[in-house]
Amino acid sequence: MAMTVKFTLSKRAQALTSSAIREILKVTERPEVISFAGGLPSPATFPVQRMREATDKVFDEAPHAALQYGPTEGYTPLREWIAARHSKNGVTIRPSQVLITTGSQQGLDLLGKVLIDEGSKVLVETPSYLGALQAFSLFQPQFVPMRTDEQGIVTEALTAEQLQGGRFMYCLPNFQNPTGRRMPLDRRQALVQRVTEAGVLVVEDDPYGELSYHGEQLPSLLSMNPDNVVYMGSFSKVLAPGLRLGYLIAPEELHGKLVQAKQAADLHTPSFSQRIVYEALQGGFLDRHIPEIRTLYAHQCELMLSALERHFPAEARWNRPAGGMFIWVTLPEGIDTGALLAQAIEQNVAFVPGAPFFAADPQVNTLRLSFVTVPAEKIEQGMEKLGVLVKAAVAANKAGAVAA
């Protein structure tokens, strides 16, 4: 007779919650659903032929090494390539600072393991990347939300009390997920100076930095003070997310601890993927490929912005991103976009409510729209349907306010 084994979950496991976005994506698998929910790069940008050629070369030249265990730090030629690409603005990055990770999400997990104790202060933007909040929450930090505006973190609003004892500050200065905003140069400089003076480490997450629609890039926080910044990069948005290949650039003392944490997690990121990506990058491929991504995303963004103008009410506000993959919409106070999502799904349209992106005091009247994977005609159809629902919600909200 089969016995049922009882088990006890750790307190950490009991506190786990599902990603709001991942739960929504289960619904969007239905082919009839027009999804503005997932932060997925467009499959049209995946360099299939280039990856096929790179894979053939790896099998032709180093098949056994590619299929063997490798060093935890990562494939040395790839680490050298990353270090060289980030050695700019008078700063030299050494390969010994680079750690290859299994997607940038693993980088978040490793940073949490190495830097966070229960109750540790972690400064985050308002709102912030949901995947980071989810990864860090496992280690039970005290999140300290920082005031932001349309240009990112408001440096002058940072207080000594907020910074005191902070383990690190987590931010996305380029085309942030979820808001799509980019921090200007003067604010970057002021932020790095202020945080460094306070003795707080900066974690700069930068998956979208090269996706500026017009090609102009601002200096990274890393380039302003590499001794006090951990930089997170990824090949998911510029090559393909299925490769699960990201990287960290960290001060060498911290790098060593991250390597030890990764050894305990998975030994190393797959040698095969690393070698394929390295071969694909040769000959300046990214510098030819990324402009194609920028052109496509700029066009898709303009289509959605135009549809917003036509179909959303005047009471709605949204940004006009200069790069990346997201538009952030704010509706009048009193409207709950979680409830609006349920109505939208009934109309076969999906988006992400804004509340899960807040570490505290969620603004339930916000939502995130992603435009890069949706065909032009579907953008128009989906925004028209969503606009009808938003207008109805605004009208009901006004009526409720008058009645009150």
Protein backbone atom coordinates (compact mmCIF):
# COMPACT_ATOMS: atom_id res chain seq x y z
CA MET A 1 0.00 0.00 0.00
CA ALA A 2 1.41 3.36 -1.04
CA MET A 3 2.38 5.67 1.79
CA THR A 4 1.95 9.44 1.62
CA VAL A 5 5.13 11.14 2.76
CA LYS A 6 4.64 14.38 4.64
CA PHE A 7 7.17 17.09 4.05
CA THR A 8 7.80 20.49 5.55
CA LEU A 9 8.52 23.45 3.34
CA SER A 10 11.17 25.92 4.39
CA LYS A 11 9.97 29.37 5.39
CA ARG A 12 11.63 30.63 2.22
CA ALA A 13 9.63 28.22 0.06
CA GLN A 14 6.41 29.06 1.86
CA ALA A 15 6.94 32.70 0.98
CA LEU A 16 7.39 31.97 -2.74
CA THR A 17 4.80 33.40 -5.13
CA SER A 18 4.30 32.95 -8.85
CA SER A 19 5.35 35.68 -11.26
CA ALA A 20 2.30 37.71 -12.24
CA ILE A 21 3.63 37.92 -15.78
CA ARG A 22 4.24 34.19 -16.08
CA GLU A 23 0.68 33.50 -14.93
CA ILE A 24 -0.68 35.91 -17.55
CA LEU A 25 1.46 34.30 -20.25
CA LYS A 26 -0.35 30.99 -19.66
CA VAL A 27 -3.51 32.71 -20.90
CA THR A 28 -1.76 34.28 -23.86
CA GLU A 29 -0.82 30.85 -25.24
CA ARG A 30 -4.31 30.78 -26.71
CA PRO A 31 -3.89 31.79 -30.38
CA GLU A 32 -6.90 34.12 -30.33
CA VAL A 33 -5.41 36.30 -27.56
CA ILE A 34 -3.64 39.52 -28.61
CA SER A 35 -0.92 39.81 -25.99
CA PHE A 36 0.75 43.04 -24.96
CA ALA A 37 1.85 41.27 -21.77
CA GLY A 38 5.12 39.42 -22.24
CA GLY A 39 8.46 41.17 -22.28
CA LEU A 40 9.56 38.84 -25.05
CA PRO A 41 11.86 39.92 -27.88
CA SER A 42 10.44 39.57 -31.36
CA PRO A 43 11.23 36.18 -32.96
CA ALA A 44 11.70 38.12 -36.20
CA THR A 45 14.99 39.38 -34.74
CA PHE A 46 16.44 35.95 -33.97
CA PRO A 47 19.51 35.41 -36.21
CA VAL A 48 18.68 31.80 -37.05
CA GLN A 49 21.10 31.39 -39.94
CA ARG A 50 23.96 33.00 -38.02
CA MET A 51 23.36 30.69 -35.07
CA ARG A 52 23.22 27.67 -37.38
CA GLU A 53 26.57 28.62 -38.90
CA ALA A 54 28.10 29.23 -35.47
CA THR A 55 26.85 25.85 -34.23
CA ASP A 56 28.35 24.09 -37.26
CA LYS A 57 31.67 25.79 -36.64
CA VAL A 58 31.71 24.72 -33.00
CA PHE A 59 31.00 21.11 -33.98
CA ASP A 60 33.62 21.23 -36.72
CA GLU A 61 36.40 22.75 -34.61
CA ALA A 62 35.82 21.85 -30.94
CA PRO A 63 32.97 19.35 -30.52
CA HIS A 64 34.33 17.54 -27.47
CA ALA A 65 35.28 20.70 -25.58
CA ALA A 66 31.87 22.20 -26.32
CA LEU A 67 30.13 19.16 -24.84
CA GLN A 68 32.41 18.93 -21.78
CA TYR A 69 32.27 20.61 -18.37
CA GLY A 70 33.84 24.07 -18.30
CA PRO A 71 35.10 26.65 -15.80
CA THR A 72 32.55 28.28 -13.53
CA GLU A 73 33.66 31.75 -14.60
CA GLY A 74 32.72 30.98 -18.19
CA TYR A 75 34.35 30.42 -21.58
CA THR A 76 37.48 32.57 -21.54
CA PRO A 77 37.27 33.95 -25.12
CA LEU A 78 33.67 35.04 -24.49
CA ARG A 79 34.65 36.73 -21.23
CA GLU A 80 37.47 38.51 -23.06
CA TRP A 81 35.00 39.69 -25.73
CA ILE A 82 32.63 41.05 -23.06
CA ALA A 83 35.46 42.79 -21.20
CA ALA A 84 36.69 44.45 -24.40
CA ARG A 85 33.19 45.62 -25.36
CA HIS A 86 32.70 47.30 -22.00
CA SER A 87 36.16 48.88 -21.87
CA LYS A 88 35.19 52.39 -22.92
CA ASN A 89 35.13 55.98 -21.69
CA GLY A 90 38.61 55.55 -20.29
CA VAL A 91 37.74 52.48 -18.21
CA THR A 92 39.36 49.08 -18.69
CA ILE A 93 37.33 46.01 -17.77
CA ARG A 94 39.32 42.85 -17.14
CA PRO A 95 38.10 39.36 -18.07
CA SER A 96 38.67 38.43 -14.41
CA GLN A 97 35.71 40.71 -13.57
CA VAL A 98 33.32 38.85 -15.90
CA LEU A 99 31.12 35.94 -14.82
CA ILE A 100 28.93 34.17 -17.38
CA THR A 101 25.49 33.35 -15.99
CA THR A 102 22.60 31.17 -17.11
CA GLY A 103 20.47 34.11 -18.11
CA SER A 104 20.55 37.43 -16.29
CA GLN A 105 17.92 36.07 -13.90
CA GLN A 106 20.59 33.82 -12.42
CA GLY A 107 22.71 36.91 -11.92
CA LEU A 108 19.95 38.39 -9.77
CA ASP A 109 19.75 35.19 -7.73
CA LEU A 110 23.52 35.07 -7.19
CA LEU A 111 23.61 38.70 -6.09
CA GLY A 112 20.82 37.99 -3.64
CA LYS A 113 22.65 35.01 -2.18
CA VAL A 114 25.92 36.86 -1.81
CA LEU A 115 24.73 40.29 -0.68
CA ILE A 116 21.41 39.95 1.19
CA ASP A 117 20.80 38.83 4.76
CA GLU A 118 17.33 38.82 6.29
CA GLY A 119 16.40 42.45 6.87
CA SER A 120 19.15 43.88 4.66
CA LYS A 121 18.26 47.20 3.04
CA VAL A 122 17.99 46.98 -0.75
CA LEU A 123 17.15 50.19 -2.60
CA VAL A 124 14.90 49.77 -5.64
CA GLU A 125 13.21 52.06 -8.16
CA THR A 126 9.50 52.85 -8.03
CA PRO A 127 8.36 50.82 -9.93
CA SER A 128 11.07 48.20 -10.53
CA TYR A 129 11.66 45.03 -12.55
CA LEU A 130 9.36 42.31 -11.24
CA GLY A 131 11.91 39.53 -11.82
CA ALA A 132 14.41 41.30 -9.57
CA LEU A 133 11.89 41.88 -6.80
CA GLN A 134 10.94 38.22 -7.00
CA ALA A 135 14.57 37.02 -6.94
CA PHE A 136 15.63 39.27 -4.07
CA SER A 137 12.49 38.57 -2.02
CA LEU A 138 13.68 35.00 -1.44
CA PHE A 139 16.36 36.38 0.86
CA GLN A 140 13.91 38.53 2.87
CA PRO A 141 15.42 41.99 2.39
CA GLN A 142 13.95 45.27 3.52
CA PHE A 143 13.10 46.96 0.23
CA VAL A 144 13.59 50.73 0.25
CA PRO A 145 11.66 52.25 -2.68
CA MET A 146 13.31 55.30 -4.21
CA ARG A 147 11.37 58.23 -5.59
CA THR A 148 11.35 58.39 -9.39
CA ASP A 149 9.99 60.56 -12.17
CA GLU A 150 9.99 60.37 -15.97
CA GLN A 151 13.80 60.45 -15.95
CA GLY A 152 14.32 57.69 -13.41
CA ILE A 153 15.64 57.94 -9.86
CA VAL A 154 15.35 61.44 -8.40
CA THR A 155 18.85 61.74 -6.98
CA GLU A 156 18.21 64.80 -4.85
CA ALA A 157 15.32 63.01 -3.15
CA LEU A 158 17.61 60.28 -1.79
CA THR A 159 18.03 60.73 1.94
CA ALA A 160 20.89 59.78 4.21
CA GLU A 161 18.46 57.57 6.10
CA GLN A 162 17.55 55.64 2.95
CA LEU A 163 21.19 55.11 2.01
CA GLN A 164 22.47 54.32 5.50
CA GLY A 165 23.41 50.65 5.66
CA GLY A 166 22.11 49.83 2.19
CA ARG A 167 23.56 46.60 0.81
CA PHE A 168 23.03 47.78 -2.74
CA MET A 169 20.92 49.91 -5.04
CA TYR A 170 19.27 48.09 -7.95
CA CYS A 171 18.40 50.12 -11.04
CA LEU A 172 17.81 49.90 -14.79
CA PRO A 173 18.99 53.22 -16.28
CA ASN A 174 18.21 52.30 -19.90
CA PHE A 175 14.61 51.89 -21.13
CA GLN A 176 13.58 50.45 -17.82
CA ASN A 177 11.27 47.49 -17.42
CA PRO A 178 8.41 48.31 -16.83
CA THR A 179 8.35 52.06 -17.59
CA GLY A 180 10.56 52.35 -20.68
CA ARG A 181 12.26 55.45 -19.28
CA ARG A 182 15.96 56.30 -19.63
CA MET A 183 18.04 58.16 -17.07
CA PRO A 184 19.82 61.22 -18.55
CA LEU A 185 23.57 61.70 -18.29
CA ASP A 186 23.60 64.36 -15.60
CA ARG A 187 21.39 62.29 -13.34
CA ARG A 188 23.57 59.21 -13.87
CA GLN A 189 26.63 61.14 -12.82
CA ALA A 190 24.90 62.59 -9.76
CA LEU A 191 23.52 59.19 -8.76
CA VAL A 192 26.87 57.39 -8.93
CA GLN A 193 28.58 60.15 -6.97
CA ARG A 194 25.89 60.27 -4.29
CA VAL A 195 25.66 56.51 -3.81
CA THR A 196 29.43 56.01 -3.84
CA GLU A 197 29.87 58.69 -1.18
CA ALA A 198 27.32 56.83 0.93
CA GLY A 199 29.24 53.57 0.54
CA VAL A 200 26.40 51.75 -1.21
CA LEU A 201 27.05 49.33 -4.06
CA VAL A 202 25.17 49.92 -7.35
CA VAL A 203 23.70 47.04 -9.36
CA GLU A 204 23.14 48.24 -12.93
CA ASP A 205 20.83 45.94 -14.89
CA ASP A 206 21.12 46.74 -18.59
CA PRO A 207 19.36 44.31 -20.96
CA TYR A 208 17.95 47.10 -23.15
CA GLY A 209 20.82 49.59 -23.36
CA GLU A 210 21.64 48.90 -27.01
CA LEU A 211 18.01 49.14 -28.11
CA SER A 212 17.94 52.92 -28.52
CA TYR A 213 15.77 53.57 -31.57
CA HIS A 214 18.16 56.20 -32.91
CA GLY A 215 21.34 54.41 -31.91
CA GLU A 216 22.68 56.92 -29.41
CA GLN A 217 23.92 55.42 -26.16
CA LEU A 218 24.68 57.04 -22.82
CA PRO A 219 27.65 56.05 -20.65
CA SER A 220 26.95 53.16 -18.32
CA LEU A 221 27.07 53.60 -14.57
CA LEU A 222 29.81 50.95 -14.69
CA SER A 223 32.01 53.25 -16.78
CA MET A 224 31.62 56.00 -14.17
CA ASN A 225 32.86 53.92 -11.24
CA PRO A 226 33.71 50.26 -11.96
CA ASP A 227 34.92 49.76 -8.38
CA ASN A 228 31.43 50.39 -6.99
CA VAL A 229 29.12 49.06 -9.74
CA VAL A 230 28.03 45.55 -10.64
CA TYR A 231 26.88 45.49 -14.25
CA MET A 232 24.39 42.93 -15.53
CA GLY A 233 24.22 42.18 -19.24
CA SER A 234 22.33 39.70 -21.39
CA PHE A 235 22.30 38.23 -24.87
CA SER A 236 18.55 37.54 -24.64
CA LYS A 237 17.41 40.83 -26.19
CA VAL A 238 20.11 41.13 -28.86
CA LEU A 239 20.45 37.48 -29.93
CA ALA A 240 17.85 35.10 -28.48
CA PRO A 241 16.46 34.38 -24.99
CA GLY A 242 16.43 30.62 -25.53
CA LEU A 243 20.22 30.65 -25.25
CA ARG A 244 19.86 31.61 -21.55
CA LEU A 245 23.12 33.50 -21.57
CA GLY A 246 23.84 36.53 -19.42
CA TYR A 247 26.81 37.94 -17.55
CA LEU A 248 27.92 39.96 -14.55
CA ILE A 249 30.81 42.41 -14.39
CA ALA A 250 31.84 42.90 -10.78
CA PRO A 251 34.75 44.16 -8.68
CA GLU A 252 37.13 41.23 -8.36
CA GLU A 253 36.67 40.68 -4.62
CA LEU A 254 32.91 40.37 -5.09
CA HIS A 255 33.40 38.40 -8.30
CA GLY A 256 35.11 35.63 -6.35
CA LYS A 257 32.12 35.22 -4.03
CA LEU A 258 29.71 35.20 -6.98
CA VAL A 259 31.78 32.44 -8.57
CA GLN A 260 31.54 30.38 -5.38
CA ALA A 261 27.77 30.87 -5.26
CA LYS A 262 27.47 29.79 -8.88
CA GLN A 263 29.57 26.69 -8.24
CA ALA A 264 26.98 25.64 -5.68
CA ALA A 265 24.11 26.44 -8.04
CA ASP A 266 24.99 24.84 -11.38
CA LEU A 267 28.79 24.46 -11.66
CA HIS A 268 28.80 26.52 -14.87
CA THR A 269 26.65 27.84 -17.68
CA PRO A 270 26.52 25.37 -20.62
CA SER A 271 29.81 25.33 -22.53
CA PHE A 272 27.96 24.60 -25.75
CA SER A 273 25.83 27.77 -25.65
CA GLN A 274 28.80 29.94 -24.70
CA ARG A 275 30.92 28.73 -27.58
CA ILE A 276 28.09 29.15 -30.09
CA VAL A 277 27.44 32.71 -28.97
CA TYR A 278 31.13 33.54 -29.09
CA GLU A 279 31.38 32.31 -32.69
CA ALA A 280 28.22 34.18 -33.65
CA LEU A 281 29.65 37.43 -32.31
CA GLN A 282 32.78 37.34 -34.43
CA GLY A 283 33.36 39.86 -37.21
CA GLY A 284 31.31 42.60 -35.55
CA PHE A 285 28.01 40.79 -36.04
CA LEU A 286 26.16 42.60 -33.25
CA ASP A 287 27.01 45.98 -34.71
CA ARG A 288 25.25 44.93 -37.92
CA HIS A 289 22.41 43.04 -36.27
CA ILE A 290 21.31 45.45 -33.52
CA PRO A 291 20.37 48.30 -35.90
CA GLU A 292 17.85 45.93 -37.51
CA ILE A 293 16.28 45.28 -34.10
CA ARG A 294 16.16 49.02 -33.36
CA THR A 295 14.41 49.76 -36.64
CA LEU A 296 11.76 47.11 -36.08
CA TYR A 297 11.07 48.10 -32.46
CA ALA A 298 10.92 51.81 -33.28
CA HIS A 299 8.28 51.06 -35.92
CA GLN A 300 6.29 48.84 -33.56
CA CYS A 301 6.45 51.46 -30.82
CA GLU A 302 5.18 54.18 -33.13
CA LEU A 303 2.27 51.98 -34.18
CA MET A 304 1.23 51.50 -30.55
CA LEU A 305 1.67 55.16 -29.65
CA SER A 306 -0.51 56.09 -32.61
CA ALA A 307 -3.15 53.55 -31.56
CA LEU A 308 -3.09 54.90 -28.00
CA GLU A 309 -3.78 58.39 -29.32
CA ARG A 310 -6.77 57.13 -31.31
CA HIS A 311 -8.35 54.75 -28.85
CA PHE A 312 -7.51 55.79 -25.28
CA PRO A 313 -9.32 58.59 -23.43
CA ALA A 314 -7.73 61.93 -22.66
CA GLU A 315 -7.58 61.00 -18.97
CA ALA A 316 -4.97 58.31 -19.67
CA ARG A 317 -1.26 59.23 -19.65
CA TRP A 318 1.68 57.35 -21.14
CA ASN A 319 5.34 57.83 -21.95
CA ARG A 320 6.97 58.00 -25.39
CA PRO A 321 10.02 55.72 -25.04
CA ALA A 322 13.15 56.38 -27.08
CA GLY A 323 14.13 52.71 -26.97
CA GLY A 324 13.42 49.33 -25.46
CA MET A 325 10.21 47.32 -25.47
CA PHE A 326 7.65 48.92 -23.15
CA ILE A 327 5.10 51.69 -22.76
CA TRP A 328 3.85 52.59 -19.27
CA VAL A 329 0.27 53.79 -18.94
CA THR A 330 -1.26 55.58 -15.97
CA LEU A 331 -5.04 55.77 -15.64
CA PRO A 332 -6.99 57.99 -13.23
CA GLU A 333 -6.79 57.09 -9.55
CA GLY A 334 -9.58 54.78 -8.53
CA ILE A 335 -9.18 52.44 -11.50
CA ASP A 336 -7.77 48.98 -10.76
CA THR A 337 -6.00 47.57 -13.80
CA GLY A 338 -6.08 44.10 -12.22
CA ALA A 339 -9.85 44.14 -12.58
CA LEU A 340 -9.47 45.67 -16.04
CA LEU A 341 -7.22 42.76 -17.08
CA ALA A 342 -9.98 40.24 -16.30
CA GLN A 343 -12.31 42.16 -18.62
CA ALA A 344 -9.61 42.42 -21.30
CA ILE A 345 -8.94 38.69 -21.28
CA GLU A 346 -12.65 38.11 -21.92
CA GLN A 347 -12.09 40.22 -25.06
CA ASN A 348 -8.95 38.20 -25.92
CA VAL A 349 -6.53 41.00 -25.08
CA ALA A 350 -3.80 40.84 -22.41
CA PHE A 351 -1.47 43.30 -20.69
CA VAL A 352 0.37 43.41 -17.37
CA PRO A 353 -1.17 45.35 -14.47
CA GLY A 354 1.34 47.68 -12.86
CA ALA A 355 0.88 46.76 -9.20
CA PRO A 356 3.35 43.79 -9.08
CA PHE A 357 6.21 46.08 -10.17
CA PHE A 358 6.07 48.04 -6.90
CA ALA A 359 8.05 46.94 -3.85
CA ALA A 360 5.60 48.90 -1.67
CA ASP A 361 2.48 51.04 -2.06
CA PRO A 362 1.48 49.65 -5.47
CA GLN A 363 -0.14 52.02 -7.93
CA VAL A 364 -3.03 49.87 -9.10
CA ASN A 365 -4.04 52.37 -11.78
CA THR A 366 -0.98 51.59 -13.93
CA LEU A 367 -0.23 49.02 -16.62
CA ARG A 368 2.61 47.91 -18.89
CA LEU A 369 2.25 47.37 -22.62
CA SER A 370 4.79 45.47 -24.72
CA PHE A 371 4.61 46.02 -28.46
CA VAL A 372 7.51 44.21 -30.08
CA THR A 373 5.98 40.78 -30.75
CA VAL A 374 2.54 41.89 -32.01
CA PRO A 375 1.86 42.27 -35.76
CA ALA A 376 0.77 45.73 -36.89
CA GLU A 377 -2.87 44.80 -37.56
CA LYS A 378 -3.09 43.06 -34.19
CA ILE A 379 -1.74 46.15 -32.41
CA GLU A 380 -4.60 48.17 -33.89
CA GLN A 381 -7.23 45.55 -33.08
CA GLY A 382 -5.98 44.96 -29.55
CA MET A 383 -5.64 48.64 -28.67
CA GLU A 384 -9.12 49.37 -30.02
CA LYS A 385 -10.61 46.67 -27.78
CA LEU A 386 -8.58 47.79 -24.79
CA GLY A 387 -9.48 51.41 -25.43
CA VAL A 388 -13.18 50.61 -25.20
CA LEU A 389 -12.63 48.98 -21.81
CA VAL A 390 -10.46 51.84 -20.53
CA LYS A 391 -13.03 54.45 -21.59
CA ALA A 392 -15.75 52.48 -19.79
CA ALA A 393 -13.59 52.23 -16.67
CA VAL A 394 -12.88 55.97 -16.74
CA ALA A 395 -16.58 56.77 -17.15
CA ALA A 396 -17.54 54.43 -14.28
CA ASN A 397 -14.79 55.93 -12.11
CA LYS A 398 -16.12 59.44 -12.75
CA ALA A 399 -19.65 58.36 -11.98
CA GLY A 400 -18.53 56.78 -8.75
CA ALA A 401 -16.66 59.92 -7.73
CA VAL A 402 -19.72 62.08 -8.39
CA ALA A 403 -21.95 59.72 -6.40
CA ALA A 404 -19.53 59.82 -3.49
